Protein backbone atom coordinates (compact mmCIF):
# COMPACT_ATOMS: atom_id res chain seq x y z
CA MET A 1 12.01 134.35 -92.64
CA THR A 2 9.23 134.57 -90.09
CA LYS A 3 10.09 134.54 -86.52
CA LYS A 4 9.37 131.17 -84.44
CA LYS A 5 6.81 131.59 -82.16
CA PRO A 6 7.82 130.50 -78.30
CA LEU A 7 6.50 127.45 -77.16
CA VAL A 8 3.92 128.34 -74.08
CA VAL A 9 2.87 125.37 -71.84
CA VAL A 10 -0.12 126.57 -69.83
CA THR A 11 -1.16 124.34 -66.71
CA ARG A 12 -4.66 124.90 -66.63
CA LYS A 13 -7.53 125.95 -68.27
CA LEU A 14 -7.62 130.00 -68.51
CA PRO A 15 -10.47 132.18 -69.65
CA GLU A 16 -11.45 131.70 -72.97
CA ALA A 17 -10.71 135.22 -74.01
CA ILE A 18 -7.02 134.78 -72.89
CA GLU A 19 -6.60 131.16 -74.07
CA THR A 20 -7.86 132.62 -77.43
CA ARG A 21 -5.00 135.52 -77.51
CA MET A 22 -2.41 133.23 -75.98
CA MET A 23 -3.21 131.36 -79.31
CA GLU A 24 -3.00 134.29 -81.31
CA LEU A 25 0.54 135.06 -80.19
CA PHE A 26 2.24 132.07 -79.22
CA ASP A 27 2.50 128.40 -80.02
CA ALA A 28 0.38 127.54 -76.84
CA ARG A 29 -0.26 124.31 -75.41
CA LEU A 30 -3.18 124.62 -73.50
CA ASN A 31 -5.06 122.12 -70.85
CA ILE A 32 -8.55 122.28 -72.12
CA ASP A 33 -9.61 119.48 -69.43
CA ASP A 34 -8.15 121.28 -66.96
CA ALA A 35 -6.80 118.40 -64.94
CA ILE A 36 -3.95 118.89 -62.96
CA MET A 37 -0.78 118.08 -64.22
CA SER A 38 1.10 115.33 -62.39
CA LYS A 39 4.88 115.55 -61.25
CA GLN A 40 5.87 113.87 -64.61
CA GLU A 41 3.55 115.78 -66.75
CA LEU A 42 5.26 119.17 -65.09
CA ILE A 43 8.65 117.48 -66.25
CA ASP A 44 7.17 116.56 -69.75
CA ALA A 45 6.52 120.61 -69.95
CA VAL A 46 9.61 121.95 -68.57
CA LYS A 47 11.96 119.88 -71.07
CA GLN A 48 10.25 121.31 -74.19
CA ALA A 49 8.77 124.64 -73.07
CA ASP A 50 10.30 128.52 -73.64
CA VAL A 51 7.50 129.37 -70.99
CA LEU A 52 5.78 127.72 -68.58
CA VAL A 53 2.72 129.04 -67.14
CA PRO A 54 1.74 127.60 -63.84
CA THR A 55 -0.74 127.86 -61.35
CA VAL A 56 -0.98 127.51 -57.46
CA THR A 57 -1.76 123.73 -57.94
CA ASP A 58 1.50 123.10 -59.57
CA LYS A 59 4.40 122.26 -57.48
CA ILE A 60 7.54 123.52 -59.61
CA ASP A 61 10.20 122.90 -57.43
CA ALA A 62 13.61 121.58 -57.61
CA ALA A 63 13.09 117.99 -58.84
CA VAL A 64 10.87 119.41 -61.13
CA LEU A 65 13.38 122.23 -62.65
CA ALA A 66 16.47 119.73 -62.92
CA HIS A 67 14.61 118.59 -66.10
CA ALA A 68 14.42 122.34 -67.35
CA GLY A 69 15.52 122.28 -70.97
CA PRO A 70 17.94 124.77 -72.57
CA ASN A 71 15.26 126.87 -73.47
CA LEU A 72 12.82 127.58 -70.76
CA ARG A 73 13.79 131.01 -69.76
CA LEU A 74 10.53 132.41 -68.30
CA ILE A 75 8.16 130.87 -65.71
CA ALA A 76 4.87 133.30 -66.00
CA ASN A 77 2.76 132.45 -62.86
CA PHE A 78 -1.10 132.86 -63.36
CA GLY A 79 -1.19 134.08 -59.50
CA THR A 80 -0.14 136.50 -56.84
CA GLY A 81 1.56 134.19 -54.55
CA VAL A 82 5.05 131.94 -55.73
CA ASP A 83 5.44 129.88 -53.08
CA HIS A 84 4.94 126.57 -55.08
CA VAL A 85 8.21 127.91 -57.57
CA ASP A 86 11.39 126.81 -56.25
CA LEU A 87 12.83 130.60 -56.87
CA GLN A 88 16.38 130.04 -55.71
CA THR A 89 16.63 127.08 -58.11
CA ALA A 90 15.04 129.21 -61.02
CA ARG A 91 17.41 131.96 -60.67
CA SER A 92 20.05 129.50 -60.30
CA ARG A 93 19.50 128.13 -63.85
CA GLY A 94 18.85 131.46 -65.34
CA ILE A 95 14.88 131.60 -65.46
CA THR A 96 12.80 134.48 -64.59
CA VAL A 97 9.73 134.11 -62.46
CA THR A 98 7.35 136.43 -62.97
CA ASN A 99 3.58 136.77 -60.99
CA THR A 100 0.43 138.83 -61.33
CA PRO A 101 0.00 141.46 -58.43
CA ASP A 102 -2.74 144.21 -57.98
CA VAL A 103 -5.37 142.78 -59.87
CA LEU A 104 -6.64 140.43 -56.88
CA THR A 105 -6.38 143.05 -54.29
CA GLU A 106 -10.19 144.25 -54.01
CA ASP A 107 -11.31 140.73 -54.98
CA THR A 108 -9.94 139.04 -51.86
CA ALA A 109 -9.87 141.95 -49.40
CA ASP A 110 -13.98 141.66 -50.12
CA MET A 111 -14.08 137.98 -49.43
CA THR A 112 -11.97 138.42 -46.46
CA MET A 113 -14.87 141.15 -45.34
CA ALA A 114 -17.90 138.55 -46.65
CA LEU A 115 -15.92 135.85 -44.11
CA ILE A 116 -15.23 138.37 -41.08
CA LEU A 117 -18.96 138.65 -41.63
CA SER A 118 -19.74 135.51 -41.99
CA VAL A 119 -18.02 134.00 -38.71
CA SER A 120 -19.38 136.94 -36.98
CA ARG A 121 -22.89 136.82 -38.26
CA ARG A 122 -22.94 132.64 -37.96
CA LEU A 123 -24.01 133.09 -41.66
CA ALA A 124 -23.21 130.05 -43.13
CA GLU A 125 -24.85 127.86 -39.67
CA GLY A 126 -27.77 130.10 -40.44
CA GLU A 127 -27.96 128.90 -44.24
CA ARG A 128 -27.97 125.46 -42.87
CA VAL A 129 -30.56 125.67 -40.46
CA ILE A 130 -32.86 126.81 -43.42
CA ARG A 131 -32.00 123.84 -45.41
CA LYS A 132 -32.17 120.90 -43.07
CA GLY A 133 -35.70 122.45 -42.62
CA ASP A 134 -34.84 122.72 -39.04
CA TRP A 135 -36.03 126.60 -38.80
CA ALA A 136 -39.26 127.16 -36.58
CA GLY A 137 -39.57 130.65 -36.86
CA TRP A 138 -37.90 133.86 -35.31
CA GLY A 139 -36.95 133.80 -31.54
CA PRO A 140 -35.44 136.35 -29.52
CA THR A 141 -32.43 134.14 -28.67
CA LEU A 142 -31.85 132.21 -31.91
CA MET A 143 -28.60 132.29 -34.23
CA LEU A 144 -27.06 134.94 -32.25
CA GLY A 145 -23.50 136.31 -33.34
CA HIS A 146 -21.61 139.32 -32.64
CA ARG A 147 -21.49 142.64 -33.55
CA ILE A 148 -18.57 143.89 -35.82
CA TRP A 149 -18.99 147.61 -34.98
CA GLY A 150 -16.81 149.29 -32.75
CA LYS A 151 -14.35 145.70 -32.54
CA ARG A 152 -10.61 145.68 -33.50
CA LEU A 153 -9.57 143.90 -36.10
CA GLY A 154 -5.59 142.99 -36.32
CA ILE A 155 -4.44 142.43 -39.76
CA VAL A 156 -0.95 140.46 -40.22
CA GLY A 157 0.59 141.51 -43.57
CA MET A 158 -0.13 145.32 -44.46
CA GLY A 159 0.22 144.59 -48.14
CA ARG A 160 -1.82 145.36 -50.88
CA ILE A 161 -4.65 143.12 -49.69
CA GLY A 162 -4.35 144.36 -46.18
CA ARG A 163 -4.50 147.77 -47.13
CA ALA A 164 -7.51 147.12 -49.06
CA LEU A 165 -9.06 145.31 -45.78
CA ALA A 166 -8.35 147.95 -43.81
CA ARG A 167 -10.32 150.64 -45.79
CA ARG A 168 -13.03 148.34 -46.10
CA ALA A 169 -13.20 147.81 -42.05
CA LYS A 170 -13.17 151.36 -41.71
CA GLY A 171 -16.55 151.37 -43.20
CA PHE A 172 -17.86 148.57 -41.13
CA GLY A 173 -16.87 150.60 -38.21
CA LEU A 174 -13.89 148.46 -36.94
CA SER A 175 -10.93 149.88 -35.62
CA VAL A 176 -7.55 149.19 -37.60
CA HIS A 177 -4.72 147.32 -36.13
CA TYR A 178 -1.53 145.91 -37.88
CA HIS A 179 1.72 143.84 -37.70
CA ASN A 180 4.03 144.20 -40.86
CA ARG A 181 7.75 143.48 -41.08
CA ARG A 182 8.08 147.04 -41.71
CA ARG A 183 5.85 149.93 -40.72
CA VAL A 184 3.97 151.30 -43.32
CA HIS A 185 4.53 155.09 -44.39
CA PRO A 186 2.75 157.45 -41.83
CA ASP A 187 0.46 158.74 -44.99
CA THR A 188 -0.75 155.34 -45.26
CA GLU A 189 -1.11 154.77 -41.69
CA GLU A 190 -3.22 158.07 -41.24
CA GLU A 191 -5.40 157.50 -44.00
CA LEU A 192 -6.13 154.07 -42.62
CA ASP A 193 -6.21 155.31 -39.12
CA ALA A 194 -4.38 151.89 -38.18
CA THR A 195 -2.20 151.33 -35.23
CA TYR A 196 1.11 149.70 -35.92
CA TRP A 197 1.80 146.72 -33.59
CA GLU A 198 5.90 145.86 -33.77
CA SER A 199 5.00 142.69 -31.72
CA LEU A 200 2.85 140.37 -33.36
CA ASP A 201 2.27 138.50 -29.82
CA GLN A 202 0.80 141.49 -28.17
CA MET A 203 -1.46 142.24 -31.22
CA LEU A 204 -2.94 139.13 -31.21
CA ALA A 205 -4.07 139.24 -27.39
CA HIS A 206 -5.37 142.66 -27.89
CA VAL A 207 -7.70 142.44 -31.18
CA ASP A 208 -11.29 140.97 -31.60
CA ILE A 209 -10.46 139.48 -35.03
CA VAL A 210 -7.33 138.31 -36.55
CA SER A 211 -6.93 138.38 -40.63
CA VAL A 212 -4.21 136.63 -42.13
CA ASN A 213 -2.89 138.65 -45.50
CA CYS A 214 0.49 138.16 -45.21
CA PRO A 215 2.46 136.09 -47.89
CA HIS A 216 3.52 132.38 -47.47
CA THR A 217 7.33 132.32 -47.53
CA PRO A 218 9.59 130.18 -45.08
CA ALA A 219 9.65 133.13 -42.62
CA THR A 220 6.18 133.09 -42.63
CA TYR A 221 5.56 129.50 -42.45
CA HIS A 222 3.26 128.85 -38.92
CA LEU A 223 3.63 132.49 -38.28
CA LEU A 224 0.47 131.56 -36.17
CA SER A 225 1.67 128.58 -34.39
CA ALA A 226 0.21 127.08 -31.38
CA ARG A 227 1.98 129.75 -28.94
CA ARG A 228 0.60 132.46 -30.85
CA LEU A 229 -2.89 131.31 -31.40
CA LYS A 230 -3.05 130.63 -27.76
CA LEU A 231 -3.08 134.59 -27.25
CA MET A 232 -5.92 135.28 -29.04
CA GLN A 233 -8.92 136.06 -26.73
CA PRO A 234 -11.80 133.43 -26.22
CA HIS A 235 -14.22 135.92 -28.24
CA ALA A 236 -11.73 136.33 -31.13
CA ILE A 237 -12.25 134.68 -34.47
CA LEU A 238 -9.52 133.87 -37.19
CA VAL A 239 -9.65 134.82 -40.90
CA ASN A 240 -7.42 133.03 -43.07
CA THR A 241 -7.31 134.47 -47.43
CA ALA A 242 -3.98 134.11 -47.80
CA ARG A 243 -2.10 130.79 -47.39
CA GLY A 244 -3.05 127.82 -45.01
CA GLU A 245 0.61 127.11 -44.01
CA ILE A 246 1.33 130.07 -42.47
CA VAL A 247 -1.36 128.71 -39.81
CA ASP A 248 -0.61 126.00 -37.39
CA GLU A 249 -3.89 124.14 -38.64
CA PRO A 250 -3.74 121.36 -35.92
CA ALA A 251 -3.89 123.88 -33.01
CA LEU A 252 -6.36 126.07 -34.73
CA ILE A 253 -8.69 122.87 -34.54
CA ARG A 254 -8.06 121.84 -31.11
CA MET A 255 -8.84 125.57 -30.08
CA LEU A 256 -11.90 125.73 -31.96
CA SER A 257 -13.21 122.61 -30.74
CA ASP A 258 -12.59 123.48 -27.56
CA GLY A 259 -14.00 126.96 -27.36
CA GLU A 260 -10.48 128.65 -26.50
CA ILE A 261 -11.39 131.25 -29.77
CA ALA A 262 -14.69 131.72 -30.88
CA GLY A 263 -14.67 130.93 -34.74
CA ALA A 264 -12.47 130.83 -37.88
CA GLY A 265 -12.98 132.04 -41.60
CA LEU A 266 -10.65 129.99 -43.53
CA ASP A 267 -10.35 130.17 -47.74
CA VAL A 268 -6.97 128.11 -47.77
CA PHE A 269 -6.04 125.28 -45.58
CA GLU A 270 -2.42 123.86 -45.01
CA HIS A 271 -2.57 120.70 -47.14
CA GLU A 272 -4.86 121.86 -49.63
CA PRO A 273 -6.82 120.49 -51.71
CA ALA A 274 -7.35 118.23 -48.55
CA VAL A 275 -9.31 119.62 -45.84
CA SER A 276 -8.81 118.34 -42.32
CA PRO A 277 -12.28 115.76 -41.34
CA LYS A 278 -12.10 117.56 -38.06
CA LEU A 279 -12.47 121.22 -39.44
CA LEU A 280 -15.54 120.23 -41.47
CA GLU A 281 -17.24 118.70 -38.16
CA LEU A 282 -16.89 122.32 -36.60
CA GLN A 283 -19.84 124.56 -36.69
CA ASN A 284 -17.70 127.67 -35.80
CA ALA A 285 -15.53 127.62 -38.87
CA VAL A 286 -16.75 128.83 -42.11
CA LEU A 287 -14.75 126.99 -44.85
CA LEU A 288 -14.49 128.18 -48.60
CA PRO A 289 -12.21 126.51 -51.61
CA HIS A 290 -9.97 128.49 -52.08
CA MET A 291 -12.01 131.38 -53.49
CA GLY A 292 -10.70 134.73 -52.21
CA SER A 293 -9.79 135.55 -56.47
CA ALA A 294 -12.61 134.09 -57.80
CA THR A 295 -14.24 136.37 -59.79
CA ILE A 296 -14.52 136.67 -63.88
CA GLU A 297 -12.81 140.12 -63.99
CA GLY A 298 -10.32 138.90 -61.66
CA ARG A 299 -9.22 135.79 -64.03
CA VAL A 300 -9.40 137.81 -67.05
CA ASP A 301 -7.14 140.82 -65.43
CA MET A 302 -4.45 138.05 -64.36
CA GLY A 303 -4.42 136.41 -67.53
CA GLU A 304 -3.86 139.97 -69.27
CA LYS A 305 -0.65 140.20 -66.99
CA VAL A 306 0.60 136.96 -67.85
CA LEU A 307 0.23 137.78 -71.53
CA ILE A 308 2.09 141.15 -71.19
CA ASN A 309 4.55 139.69 -68.81
CA ILE A 310 5.26 136.75 -71.56
CA LYS A 311 5.06 139.23 -74.56
CA THR A 312 7.54 141.54 -72.95
CA PHE A 313 10.18 139.19 -72.22
CA VAL A 314 10.06 137.65 -75.61
CA ASP A 315 10.32 141.00 -77.30
CA GLY A 316 13.86 140.94 -74.77
CA HIS A 317 12.75 143.57 -72.12
CA THR A 318 12.62 142.93 -68.33
CA PRO A 319 9.08 142.18 -67.64
CA PRO A 320 6.84 144.45 -65.64
CA ASP A 321 5.77 141.83 -63.02
CA ARG A 322 9.29 140.20 -62.57
CA VAL A 323 9.76 138.34 -59.05
CA ILE A 324 12.30 139.55 -56.82
CA GLU A 325 13.06 136.85 -53.86
CA GLY A 326 13.83 139.74 -51.27
CA LEU A 327 11.06 142.00 -51.88
CA LEU A 328 8.36 139.18 -51.22
């Protein structure tokens, strides 16, 4: 007798190669239109599915999981961050959660470096000048930005992405400073020529560029609070490619408006996809639509991880990317 394939509900459209393989391996219900699922649709999905494959746009909270059917045993998240999944409720209901670490590291570090350059050298502003037809030719004081060579970069969160960013930063002549829950291994510090700051407050006050690269957890919500943002120097810039909730966005907007810090590069927002109209008005902010990991190669690699996690779990083994709450 042929073993019944598990029902896998995928909440968003994935790369074609991944969807094809998903249909070959499992009884897959795909989202061809790529419309974000409503709360009721998510509830209907968890009632029926053996495996749910959500993304960052899906809030899998206690209210949704309360309706989970007895067959739902795995949430195979398409993405590294799992702050949109109620891990405690999932665990209490015997549901395993996996994610897709490592494969997004280099792409996100590239985007972080791109934002550092974009804000420092006013790339987005310059592009707007050209498109508006306002450029009258080269001038010695036109569109002056700031050199990043020789500046101090402060990395908040020295995980995989933070370390990848540090490697790039060295190539651009930045000195690397970092704050982390735990100091990294001395060999890593030596490789990256990185200076550890036990006090986040002190690091913020002494660096020229701040990059947010830590995960969003209850402990990091508004980690960069209004008080901490005020510690930054007036010429400093802030870049965030992690999660919007880590930064007190209204406080950041006020400081950018008042010139208390020089600029910001944001790939994520506190209430995305909503973006504050006040941010849109600021010339010293470079804003991107959560593109940090948006490469074809990265998305396919993410999908491959999801497939491996599901297949391993269905075969009765512990999936390689199981999320352990205390290790986030």
